[in-house]
N, C-alpha and C. Protein backbone atom coordinates (compact mmCIF):
# COMPACT_ATOMS: atom_id res chain seq x y z
N UNK A 1 24.98 16.06 8.10
CA UNK A 1 24.62 17.15 8.97
C UNK A 1 23.99 18.29 8.17
N UNK A 2 24.55 18.58 7.01
CA UNK A 2 24.03 19.68 6.19
C UNK A 2 22.60 19.39 5.73
N UNK A 3 22.32 18.13 5.41
CA UNK A 3 20.97 17.75 4.98
C UNK A 3 19.98 17.98 6.11
N UNK A 4 20.32 17.56 7.31
CA UNK A 4 19.42 17.74 8.46
C UNK A 4 19.16 19.21 8.74
N UNK A 5 20.20 20.03 8.66
CA UNK A 5 20.03 21.47 8.90
C UNK A 5 19.15 22.08 7.81
N UNK A 6 19.35 21.67 6.58
CA UNK A 6 18.53 22.17 5.47
C UNK A 6 17.07 21.77 5.66
N UNK A 7 16.85 20.52 6.04
CA UNK A 7 15.48 20.05 6.27
C UNK A 7 14.83 20.80 7.43
N UNK A 8 15.58 21.01 8.50
CA UNK A 8 15.05 21.75 9.64
C UNK A 8 14.70 23.18 9.23
N UNK A 9 15.53 23.79 8.42
CA UNK A 9 15.25 25.12 7.93
C UNK A 9 13.97 25.12 7.08
N UNK A 10 13.82 24.10 6.23
CA UNK A 10 12.62 23.98 5.39
C UNK A 10 11.37 23.86 6.26
N UNK A 11 11.44 23.05 7.32
CA UNK A 11 10.30 22.88 8.22
C UNK A 11 9.94 24.22 8.86
N UNK A 12 10.95 24.96 9.27
CA UNK A 12 10.70 26.27 9.90
C UNK A 12 10.03 27.23 8.91
N UNK A 13 10.52 27.25 7.68
CA UNK A 13 9.92 28.12 6.66
C UNK A 13 8.48 27.72 6.38
N UNK A 14 8.22 26.41 6.34
CA UNK A 14 6.86 25.94 6.08
C UNK A 14 5.94 26.29 7.24
N UNK A 15 6.48 26.27 8.45
CA UNK A 15 5.69 26.64 9.62
C UNK A 15 5.27 28.11 9.55
N UNK A 16 6.17 28.94 9.09
CA UNK A 16 5.86 30.37 8.90
C UNK A 16 4.71 30.52 7.90
N UNK A 17 4.69 29.65 6.87
CA UNK A 17 3.61 29.67 5.86
C UNK A 17 2.37 28.93 6.32
N UNK A 18 2.34 28.56 7.60
CA UNK A 18 1.21 27.84 8.21
C UNK A 18 1.03 26.43 7.63
N UNK A 19 2.15 25.78 7.29
CA UNK A 19 2.16 24.37 6.88
C UNK A 19 2.85 23.58 7.98
N UNK A 20 2.09 22.77 8.69
CA UNK A 20 2.66 22.00 9.80
C UNK A 20 3.26 20.71 9.28
N UNK A 21 4.53 20.43 9.57
CA UNK A 21 5.22 19.23 9.13
C UNK A 21 5.60 18.42 10.37
N UNK A 22 5.11 17.18 10.43
CA UNK A 22 5.40 16.33 11.59
C UNK A 22 6.77 15.69 11.50
N UNK A 23 7.17 15.28 10.29
CA UNK A 23 8.42 14.53 10.13
C UNK A 23 9.31 15.24 9.12
N UNK A 24 10.60 15.27 9.41
CA UNK A 24 11.56 15.89 8.50
C UNK A 24 11.57 15.20 7.14
N UNK A 25 11.38 13.88 7.13
CA UNK A 25 11.40 13.13 5.87
C UNK A 25 10.31 13.61 4.92
N UNK A 26 9.24 14.16 5.45
CA UNK A 26 8.15 14.66 4.60
C UNK A 26 8.63 15.79 3.70
N UNK A 27 9.49 16.65 4.23
CA UNK A 27 10.04 17.74 3.43
C UNK A 27 10.88 17.18 2.28
N UNK A 28 11.67 16.17 2.57
CA UNK A 28 12.51 15.56 1.55
C UNK A 28 11.65 14.93 0.46
N UNK A 29 10.61 14.22 0.86
CA UNK A 29 9.73 13.55 -0.11
C UNK A 29 9.01 14.59 -0.97
N UNK A 30 8.46 15.62 -0.34
CA UNK A 30 7.75 16.66 -1.10
C UNK A 30 8.69 17.45 -2.00
N UNK A 31 9.95 17.56 -1.59
CA UNK A 31 10.93 18.25 -2.42
C UNK A 31 11.19 17.52 -3.72
N UNK A 32 10.95 16.20 -3.75
CA UNK A 32 11.14 15.41 -4.96
C UNK A 32 9.91 15.32 -5.82
N UNK A 33 8.80 15.94 -5.41
CA UNK A 33 7.55 15.86 -6.18
C UNK A 33 7.62 16.78 -7.39
N UNK A 34 7.25 16.24 -8.54
CA UNK A 34 7.19 17.03 -9.76
C UNK A 34 5.77 17.53 -10.01
N UNK A 35 4.78 16.68 -9.71
CA UNK A 35 3.38 17.03 -9.93
C UNK A 35 2.57 16.64 -8.71
N UNK A 36 1.64 17.46 -8.35
CA UNK A 36 0.69 17.13 -7.29
C UNK A 36 -0.69 17.23 -7.90
N UNK A 37 -1.41 16.12 -7.87
CA UNK A 37 -2.74 16.08 -8.47
C UNK A 37 -3.79 15.98 -7.38
N UNK A 38 -4.85 16.69 -7.56
CA UNK A 38 -5.95 16.66 -6.61
C UNK A 38 -7.25 16.79 -7.38
N UNK A 39 -8.33 16.46 -6.74
CA UNK A 39 -9.62 16.64 -7.38
C UNK A 39 -10.50 17.49 -6.48
N UNK A 40 -11.72 17.72 -6.89
CA UNK A 40 -12.58 18.64 -6.15
C UNK A 40 -13.04 18.10 -4.81
N UNK A 41 -12.76 16.81 -4.51
CA UNK A 41 -13.20 16.24 -3.24
C UNK A 41 -12.28 16.60 -2.09
N UNK A 42 -11.15 17.21 -2.38
CA UNK A 42 -10.26 17.64 -1.30
C UNK A 42 -9.35 16.54 -0.80
N UNK A 43 -8.91 15.64 -1.69
CA UNK A 43 -8.05 14.54 -1.28
C UNK A 43 -6.82 15.03 -0.54
N UNK A 44 -6.21 16.12 -1.02
CA UNK A 44 -5.01 16.63 -0.36
C UNK A 44 -5.31 17.22 1.00
N UNK A 45 -6.39 17.94 1.13
CA UNK A 45 -6.66 18.63 2.38
C UNK A 45 -7.26 17.72 3.44
N UNK A 46 -7.99 16.69 3.03
CA UNK A 46 -8.65 15.83 4.01
C UNK A 46 -7.82 14.60 4.35
N UNK A 47 -6.76 14.31 3.59
CA UNK A 47 -5.92 13.14 3.83
C UNK A 47 -6.73 11.85 3.84
N UNK A 48 -7.68 11.75 2.92
CA UNK A 48 -8.52 10.57 2.83
C UNK A 48 -8.43 10.02 1.42
N UNK A 49 -8.04 8.76 1.33
CA UNK A 49 -7.91 8.11 0.03
C UNK A 49 -8.91 6.97 -0.05
N UNK A 50 -9.25 6.59 -1.27
CA UNK A 50 -10.17 5.49 -1.52
C UNK A 50 -9.63 4.66 -2.67
N UNK A 51 -9.69 3.35 -2.54
CA UNK A 51 -9.29 2.47 -3.63
C UNK A 51 -10.40 2.52 -4.68
N UNK A 52 -10.05 2.90 -5.90
CA UNK A 52 -11.05 3.02 -6.96
C UNK A 52 -10.89 1.98 -8.06
N UNK A 53 -9.69 1.40 -8.19
CA UNK A 53 -9.44 0.40 -9.22
C UNK A 53 -8.54 -0.69 -8.68
N UNK A 54 -8.75 -1.89 -9.20
CA UNK A 54 -7.88 -3.03 -8.90
C UNK A 54 -7.40 -3.55 -10.25
N UNK A 55 -6.09 -3.67 -10.42
CA UNK A 55 -5.55 -4.15 -11.69
C UNK A 55 -5.08 -5.58 -11.53
N UNK A 56 -5.68 -6.48 -12.29
CA UNK A 56 -5.27 -7.90 -12.30
C UNK A 56 -5.08 -8.36 -13.74
N UNK A 57 -4.32 -7.61 -14.50
CA UNK A 57 -4.17 -7.88 -15.92
C UNK A 57 -5.19 -7.09 -16.72
N UNK A 58 -6.32 -6.82 -16.11
CA UNK A 58 -7.34 -5.91 -16.64
C UNK A 58 -7.74 -4.98 -15.51
N UNK A 59 -8.19 -3.82 -15.86
CA UNK A 59 -8.56 -2.82 -14.87
C UNK A 59 -9.98 -3.09 -14.39
N UNK A 60 -10.13 -3.31 -13.09
CA UNK A 60 -11.45 -3.52 -12.48
C UNK A 60 -11.80 -2.27 -11.68
N UNK A 61 -12.91 -1.65 -12.00
CA UNK A 61 -13.35 -0.46 -11.28
C UNK A 61 -14.11 -0.89 -10.04
N UNK A 62 -13.69 -0.37 -8.89
CA UNK A 62 -14.31 -0.71 -7.61
C UNK A 62 -15.58 0.12 -7.44
N UNK A 63 -16.65 -0.54 -7.05
CA UNK A 63 -17.92 0.15 -6.82
C UNK A 63 -17.86 0.78 -5.44
N UNK A 64 -17.30 1.99 -5.37
CA UNK A 64 -16.99 2.61 -4.08
C UNK A 64 -18.21 2.97 -3.25
N UNK A 65 -19.38 3.04 -3.87
CA UNK A 65 -20.59 3.37 -3.11
C UNK A 65 -21.22 2.15 -2.45
N UNK A 66 -20.75 0.94 -2.79
CA UNK A 66 -21.27 -0.27 -2.15
C UNK A 66 -20.75 -0.37 -0.73
N UNK A 67 -21.59 -0.81 0.19
CA UNK A 67 -21.18 -0.98 1.60
C UNK A 67 -20.29 -2.20 1.76
N UNK A 68 -20.55 -3.25 0.96
CA UNK A 68 -19.73 -4.46 0.98
C UNK A 68 -19.36 -4.83 -0.45
N UNK A 69 -18.23 -5.53 -0.57
CA UNK A 69 -17.76 -5.99 -1.87
C UNK A 69 -17.77 -7.51 -1.88
N UNK A 70 -17.86 -8.08 -3.09
CA UNK A 70 -17.83 -9.52 -3.27
C UNK A 70 -16.60 -9.86 -4.11
N UNK A 71 -15.75 -10.77 -3.62
CA UNK A 71 -14.54 -11.14 -4.34
C UNK A 71 -14.85 -11.63 -5.75
N UNK A 72 -15.96 -12.31 -5.94
CA UNK A 72 -16.32 -12.85 -7.26
C UNK A 72 -16.53 -11.75 -8.30
N UNK A 73 -16.86 -10.54 -7.86
CA UNK A 73 -17.06 -9.44 -8.80
C UNK A 73 -15.74 -8.88 -9.33
N UNK A 74 -14.63 -9.18 -8.65
CA UNK A 74 -13.36 -8.56 -9.01
C UNK A 74 -12.27 -9.55 -9.42
N UNK A 75 -12.35 -10.79 -8.96
CA UNK A 75 -11.27 -11.74 -9.20
C UNK A 75 -11.78 -12.96 -9.98
N UNK A 76 -10.96 -13.42 -10.92
CA UNK A 76 -11.35 -14.51 -11.80
C UNK A 76 -11.47 -15.85 -11.07
N UNK A 77 -10.66 -16.03 -10.03
CA UNK A 77 -10.71 -17.31 -9.31
C UNK A 77 -10.24 -17.11 -7.87
N UNK A 78 -10.36 -18.15 -7.09
CA UNK A 78 -10.01 -18.08 -5.66
C UNK A 78 -8.51 -17.86 -5.45
N UNK A 79 -7.65 -18.37 -6.35
CA UNK A 79 -6.21 -18.13 -6.21
C UNK A 79 -5.88 -16.64 -6.29
N UNK A 80 -6.53 -15.94 -7.22
CA UNK A 80 -6.32 -14.48 -7.32
C UNK A 80 -6.77 -13.78 -6.06
N UNK A 81 -7.95 -14.17 -5.56
CA UNK A 81 -8.50 -13.54 -4.35
C UNK A 81 -7.59 -13.80 -3.15
N UNK A 82 -7.07 -15.01 -3.02
CA UNK A 82 -6.18 -15.36 -1.91
C UNK A 82 -4.89 -14.55 -1.99
N UNK A 83 -4.30 -14.46 -3.16
CA UNK A 83 -3.08 -13.69 -3.35
C UNK A 83 -3.33 -12.22 -3.00
N UNK A 84 -4.45 -11.69 -3.42
CA UNK A 84 -4.82 -10.31 -3.11
C UNK A 84 -4.98 -10.10 -1.61
N UNK A 85 -5.68 -11.01 -0.94
CA UNK A 85 -5.88 -10.91 0.52
C UNK A 85 -4.54 -10.91 1.24
N UNK A 86 -3.65 -11.83 0.85
CA UNK A 86 -2.33 -11.90 1.48
C UNK A 86 -1.54 -10.62 1.24
N UNK A 87 -1.58 -10.13 0.01
CA UNK A 87 -0.81 -8.93 -0.33
C UNK A 87 -1.25 -7.73 0.49
N UNK A 88 -2.55 -7.51 0.58
CA UNK A 88 -3.03 -6.33 1.31
C UNK A 88 -2.90 -6.51 2.81
N UNK A 89 -3.30 -7.66 3.32
CA UNK A 89 -3.27 -7.87 4.78
C UNK A 89 -1.85 -7.88 5.32
N UNK A 90 -0.93 -8.54 4.63
CA UNK A 90 0.42 -8.71 5.16
C UNK A 90 1.35 -7.55 4.81
N UNK A 91 1.02 -6.76 3.82
CA UNK A 91 1.90 -5.65 3.44
C UNK A 91 1.32 -4.31 3.87
N UNK A 92 0.48 -4.35 4.90
CA UNK A 92 0.03 -3.15 5.59
C UNK A 92 0.34 -3.38 7.06
N UNK A 93 0.40 -2.31 7.82
CA UNK A 93 0.68 -2.48 9.24
C UNK A 93 -0.35 -1.72 10.04
N UNK A 94 -0.63 -2.23 11.21
CA UNK A 94 -1.58 -1.56 12.09
C UNK A 94 -3.03 -1.74 11.67
N UNK A 95 -3.87 -0.90 12.21
CA UNK A 95 -5.29 -0.92 11.91
C UNK A 95 -5.64 0.33 11.11
N UNK A 96 -6.81 0.34 10.53
CA UNK A 96 -7.21 1.46 9.67
C UNK A 96 -7.16 2.80 10.38
N UNK A 97 -7.47 2.82 11.68
CA UNK A 97 -7.51 4.11 12.37
C UNK A 97 -6.13 4.70 12.62
N UNK A 98 -5.04 3.88 12.73
CA UNK A 98 -3.72 4.47 12.97
C UNK A 98 -2.77 4.34 11.79
N UNK A 99 -3.24 3.91 10.65
CA UNK A 99 -2.37 3.70 9.49
C UNK A 99 -2.25 4.98 8.66
N UNK A 100 -1.33 4.95 7.70
CA UNK A 100 -1.19 6.07 6.77
C UNK A 100 -2.44 6.13 5.89
N UNK A 101 -2.60 7.22 5.16
CA UNK A 101 -3.80 7.39 4.32
C UNK A 101 -3.92 6.27 3.28
N UNK A 102 -2.79 5.87 2.70
CA UNK A 102 -2.82 4.79 1.70
C UNK A 102 -3.24 3.48 2.33
N UNK A 103 -2.63 3.15 3.47
CA UNK A 103 -2.97 1.91 4.15
C UNK A 103 -4.40 1.93 4.68
N UNK A 104 -4.86 3.09 5.13
CA UNK A 104 -6.25 3.20 5.58
C UNK A 104 -7.19 2.83 4.44
N UNK A 105 -6.94 3.35 3.26
CA UNK A 105 -7.80 3.06 2.11
C UNK A 105 -7.81 1.57 1.81
N UNK A 106 -6.64 0.93 1.87
CA UNK A 106 -6.56 -0.50 1.59
C UNK A 106 -7.25 -1.32 2.67
N UNK A 107 -7.08 -0.93 3.93
CA UNK A 107 -7.71 -1.67 5.03
C UNK A 107 -9.23 -1.47 5.06
N UNK A 108 -9.69 -0.28 4.70
CA UNK A 108 -11.14 -0.06 4.60
C UNK A 108 -11.71 -0.92 3.48
N UNK A 109 -10.97 -1.02 2.37
CA UNK A 109 -11.41 -1.89 1.28
C UNK A 109 -11.51 -3.34 1.76
N UNK A 110 -10.53 -3.80 2.52
CA UNK A 110 -10.56 -5.18 3.03
C UNK A 110 -11.75 -5.38 3.96
N UNK A 111 -12.08 -4.35 4.73
CA UNK A 111 -13.24 -4.41 5.59
C UNK A 111 -14.52 -4.56 4.75
N UNK A 112 -14.59 -3.85 3.65
CA UNK A 112 -15.76 -3.96 2.76
C UNK A 112 -15.81 -5.33 2.07
N UNK A 113 -14.66 -5.95 1.90
CA UNK A 113 -14.63 -7.33 1.37
C UNK A 113 -14.95 -8.33 2.48
N UNK A 114 -15.18 -7.84 3.69
CA UNK A 114 -15.49 -8.66 4.85
C UNK A 114 -14.38 -9.67 5.12
N UNK A 115 -13.16 -9.18 5.09
CA UNK A 115 -11.97 -10.00 5.27
C UNK A 115 -11.36 -9.72 6.64
N UNK A 116 -11.02 -10.78 7.36
CA UNK A 116 -10.38 -10.65 8.67
C UNK A 116 -8.87 -10.50 8.47
N UNK A 117 -8.42 -9.28 8.44
CA UNK A 117 -7.02 -8.97 8.17
C UNK A 117 -6.10 -9.60 9.21
N UNK A 118 -6.45 -9.48 10.48
CA UNK A 118 -5.59 -10.02 11.55
C UNK A 118 -5.46 -11.54 11.44
N UNK A 119 -6.50 -12.22 11.02
CA UNK A 119 -6.45 -13.67 10.86
C UNK A 119 -5.46 -14.05 9.74
N UNK A 120 -5.51 -13.32 8.64
CA UNK A 120 -4.59 -13.58 7.53
C UNK A 120 -3.16 -13.29 7.96
N UNK A 121 -2.97 -12.20 8.69
CA UNK A 121 -1.63 -11.88 9.19
C UNK A 121 -1.10 -12.98 10.10
N UNK A 122 -1.94 -13.48 11.01
CA UNK A 122 -1.48 -14.51 11.94
C UNK A 122 -1.16 -15.81 11.21
N UNK A 123 -1.83 -16.10 10.10
CA UNK A 123 -1.56 -17.32 9.34
C UNK A 123 -0.29 -17.21 8.51
N UNK A 124 0.04 -16.01 8.03
CA UNK A 124 1.13 -15.86 7.08
C UNK A 124 2.36 -15.13 7.58
N UNK A 125 2.25 -14.43 8.70
CA UNK A 125 3.40 -13.69 9.22
C UNK A 125 3.88 -14.33 10.51
N UNK A 126 5.06 -14.95 10.50
CA UNK A 126 5.59 -15.50 11.75
C UNK A 126 5.96 -14.36 12.69
N UNK A 127 6.22 -14.69 13.93
CA UNK A 127 6.56 -13.67 14.92
C UNK A 127 7.82 -12.88 14.51
N UNK A 128 8.74 -13.53 13.81
CA UNK A 128 9.98 -12.88 13.41
C UNK A 128 10.01 -12.56 11.91
N UNK A 129 8.85 -12.17 11.37
CA UNK A 129 8.77 -11.91 9.94
C UNK A 129 9.66 -10.73 9.54
N UNK A 130 9.96 -10.67 8.26
CA UNK A 130 10.87 -9.65 7.74
C UNK A 130 10.04 -8.64 6.94
N UNK A 131 10.19 -7.36 7.30
CA UNK A 131 9.52 -6.28 6.58
C UNK A 131 10.54 -5.19 6.31
N UNK A 132 10.57 -4.73 5.08
CA UNK A 132 11.42 -3.61 4.69
C UNK A 132 10.48 -2.42 4.51
N UNK A 133 10.53 -1.48 5.44
CA UNK A 133 9.61 -0.36 5.44
C UNK A 133 9.88 0.60 4.30
N UNK A 134 8.87 1.35 3.95
CA UNK A 134 8.97 2.34 2.89
C UNK A 134 9.95 3.44 3.29
N UNK A 135 10.82 3.79 2.36
CA UNK A 135 11.69 4.96 2.54
C UNK A 135 11.69 5.71 1.22
N UNK A 136 12.06 6.97 1.28
CA UNK A 136 12.11 7.77 0.05
C UNK A 136 13.22 7.26 -0.88
N UNK A 137 14.21 6.58 -0.35
CA UNK A 137 15.29 6.04 -1.19
C UNK A 137 14.83 4.76 -1.90
N UNK A 138 14.18 3.84 -1.16
CA UNK A 138 13.72 2.57 -1.75
C UNK A 138 12.46 2.75 -2.58
N UNK A 139 11.61 3.68 -2.20
CA UNK A 139 10.33 3.96 -2.86
C UNK A 139 9.43 2.74 -2.93
N UNK A 140 9.55 1.88 -1.94
CA UNK A 140 8.69 0.70 -1.86
C UNK A 140 8.74 0.12 -0.45
N UNK A 141 7.76 -0.71 -0.15
CA UNK A 141 7.72 -1.46 1.11
C UNK A 141 7.58 -2.92 0.72
N UNK A 142 8.31 -3.79 1.39
CA UNK A 142 8.26 -5.21 1.06
C UNK A 142 8.11 -6.03 2.33
N UNK A 143 7.34 -7.10 2.23
CA UNK A 143 7.14 -8.02 3.35
C UNK A 143 7.29 -9.44 2.82
N UNK A 144 8.08 -10.24 3.54
CA UNK A 144 8.23 -11.66 3.19
C UNK A 144 7.23 -12.43 4.02
N UNK A 145 6.32 -13.15 3.35
CA UNK A 145 5.33 -13.93 4.07
C UNK A 145 5.65 -15.41 3.97
N UNK A 146 5.18 -16.16 4.97
CA UNK A 146 5.40 -17.60 5.04
C UNK A 146 4.04 -18.29 4.92
N UNK A 147 4.06 -19.59 4.71
CA UNK A 147 2.84 -20.40 4.66
C UNK A 147 1.83 -19.82 3.67
N UNK A 148 2.32 -19.41 2.51
CA UNK A 148 1.44 -18.79 1.53
C UNK A 148 0.90 -19.81 0.53
N UNK A 149 1.10 -21.09 0.80
CA UNK A 149 0.69 -22.11 -0.16
C UNK A 149 1.82 -22.32 -1.14
N UNK A 150 1.67 -23.27 -1.99
CA UNK A 150 2.71 -23.57 -2.97
C UNK A 150 2.76 -22.46 -4.01
N UNK A 151 3.90 -21.81 -4.17
CA UNK A 151 4.04 -20.74 -5.15
C UNK A 151 4.38 -21.33 -6.51
N UNK A 152 4.47 -20.46 -7.49
CA UNK A 152 4.79 -20.86 -8.86
C UNK A 152 6.17 -21.52 -8.94
N UNK A 153 7.04 -21.22 -7.99
CA UNK A 153 8.41 -21.72 -8.01
C UNK A 153 8.66 -22.74 -6.91
N UNK A 154 7.59 -23.35 -6.39
CA UNK A 154 7.66 -24.40 -5.37
C UNK A 154 8.32 -23.96 -4.07
N UNK A 155 7.98 -22.76 -3.61
CA UNK A 155 8.44 -22.26 -2.33
C UNK A 155 7.23 -21.99 -1.45
N UNK A 156 7.44 -21.90 -0.15
CA UNK A 156 6.31 -21.57 0.73
C UNK A 156 6.41 -20.14 1.24
N UNK A 157 7.27 -19.34 0.59
CA UNK A 157 7.42 -17.93 0.95
C UNK A 157 7.20 -17.07 -0.29
N UNK A 158 6.77 -15.86 -0.05
CA UNK A 158 6.52 -14.94 -1.14
C UNK A 158 6.83 -13.53 -0.63
N UNK A 159 7.32 -12.67 -1.51
CA UNK A 159 7.55 -11.27 -1.17
C UNK A 159 6.40 -10.46 -1.75
N UNK A 160 5.76 -9.68 -0.89
CA UNK A 160 4.72 -8.75 -1.34
C UNK A 160 5.32 -7.35 -1.26
N UNK A 161 5.09 -6.57 -2.31
CA UNK A 161 5.71 -5.26 -2.40
C UNK A 161 4.67 -4.23 -2.82
N UNK A 162 4.77 -3.04 -2.25
CA UNK A 162 3.94 -1.93 -2.72
C UNK A 162 4.81 -0.70 -2.75
N UNK A 163 4.46 0.22 -3.65
CA UNK A 163 5.24 1.44 -3.75
C UNK A 163 5.12 2.05 -5.11
N UNK A 164 6.15 2.79 -5.52
CA UNK A 164 6.16 3.45 -6.82
C UNK A 164 6.08 2.39 -7.92
N UNK A 165 5.15 2.59 -8.83
CA UNK A 165 4.88 1.58 -9.87
C UNK A 165 6.12 1.20 -10.65
N UNK A 166 6.93 2.17 -11.04
CA UNK A 166 8.12 1.86 -11.84
C UNK A 166 9.12 1.02 -11.06
N UNK A 167 9.22 1.22 -9.76
CA UNK A 167 10.14 0.45 -8.92
C UNK A 167 9.61 -0.97 -8.75
N UNK A 168 8.33 -1.10 -8.45
CA UNK A 168 7.71 -2.41 -8.25
C UNK A 168 7.80 -3.23 -9.55
N UNK A 169 7.43 -2.62 -10.67
CA UNK A 169 7.45 -3.35 -11.94
C UNK A 169 8.86 -3.76 -12.34
N UNK A 170 9.85 -2.92 -12.07
CA UNK A 170 11.24 -3.28 -12.38
C UNK A 170 11.73 -4.45 -11.54
N UNK A 171 11.09 -4.70 -10.39
CA UNK A 171 11.48 -5.79 -9.50
C UNK A 171 10.82 -7.12 -9.88
N UNK A 172 9.90 -7.09 -10.82
CA UNK A 172 9.12 -8.29 -11.18
C UNK A 172 9.61 -8.91 -12.48
N UNK A 173 9.52 -10.23 -12.54
CA UNK A 173 9.81 -10.93 -13.79
C UNK A 173 8.52 -11.40 -14.45
N UNK A 174 7.44 -11.59 -13.68
CA UNK A 174 6.15 -12.05 -14.18
C UNK A 174 5.04 -11.35 -13.41
N UNK A 175 3.85 -11.41 -13.94
CA UNK A 175 2.69 -10.97 -13.19
C UNK A 175 1.53 -11.90 -13.52
N UNK A 176 0.57 -11.96 -12.62
CA UNK A 176 -0.59 -12.80 -12.81
C UNK A 176 -1.69 -11.95 -13.39
N UNK A 177 -2.18 -12.31 -14.56
CA UNK A 177 -3.26 -11.55 -15.16
C UNK A 177 -4.61 -12.18 -14.86
N UNK A 178 -5.66 -11.69 -15.48
CA UNK A 178 -7.00 -12.18 -15.18
C UNK A 178 -7.20 -13.63 -15.61
N UNK A 179 -6.33 -14.16 -16.44
CA UNK A 179 -6.42 -15.56 -16.87
C UNK A 179 -5.55 -16.49 -16.01
N UNK A 180 -4.83 -15.92 -15.08
CA UNK A 180 -3.97 -16.72 -14.21
C UNK A 180 -2.51 -16.69 -14.60
């Protein structure tokens, strides 16, 4: 109860400062921020993000001015591209117009890759799929996908996770680099 009252008080104070807060959880998340970085393009004020790099064991810089992207320019083989498509399509929710700023950036990128996100979702997400939504406590979002092809451990399911890098990396035992 004390936490909710404190958060409500914070929202009221922010409103006085002309900062509109839609969700109480936003105050809690911002209260845990140590650094806020922005650039001259107004990323913070416009709430618009863009994917600029893809890391697959090596850092690949995305050509953000291109209208369309080619998977061959970024991924060493089709297995990498398939894993990437599944990860982005299945671990985002909704469409680009109603998603969060991060998910919008990822879905716009998929659009530039000319990828049918809904088709990938229908192939890999059963009607009763399991998704663990992002929370400030977990600092990650996870989705269990089915029919993902034979995995490294001979299963037909895989967990895709996105979130705070240190949390995601601590959850992994291996990663796939540019050599596979």
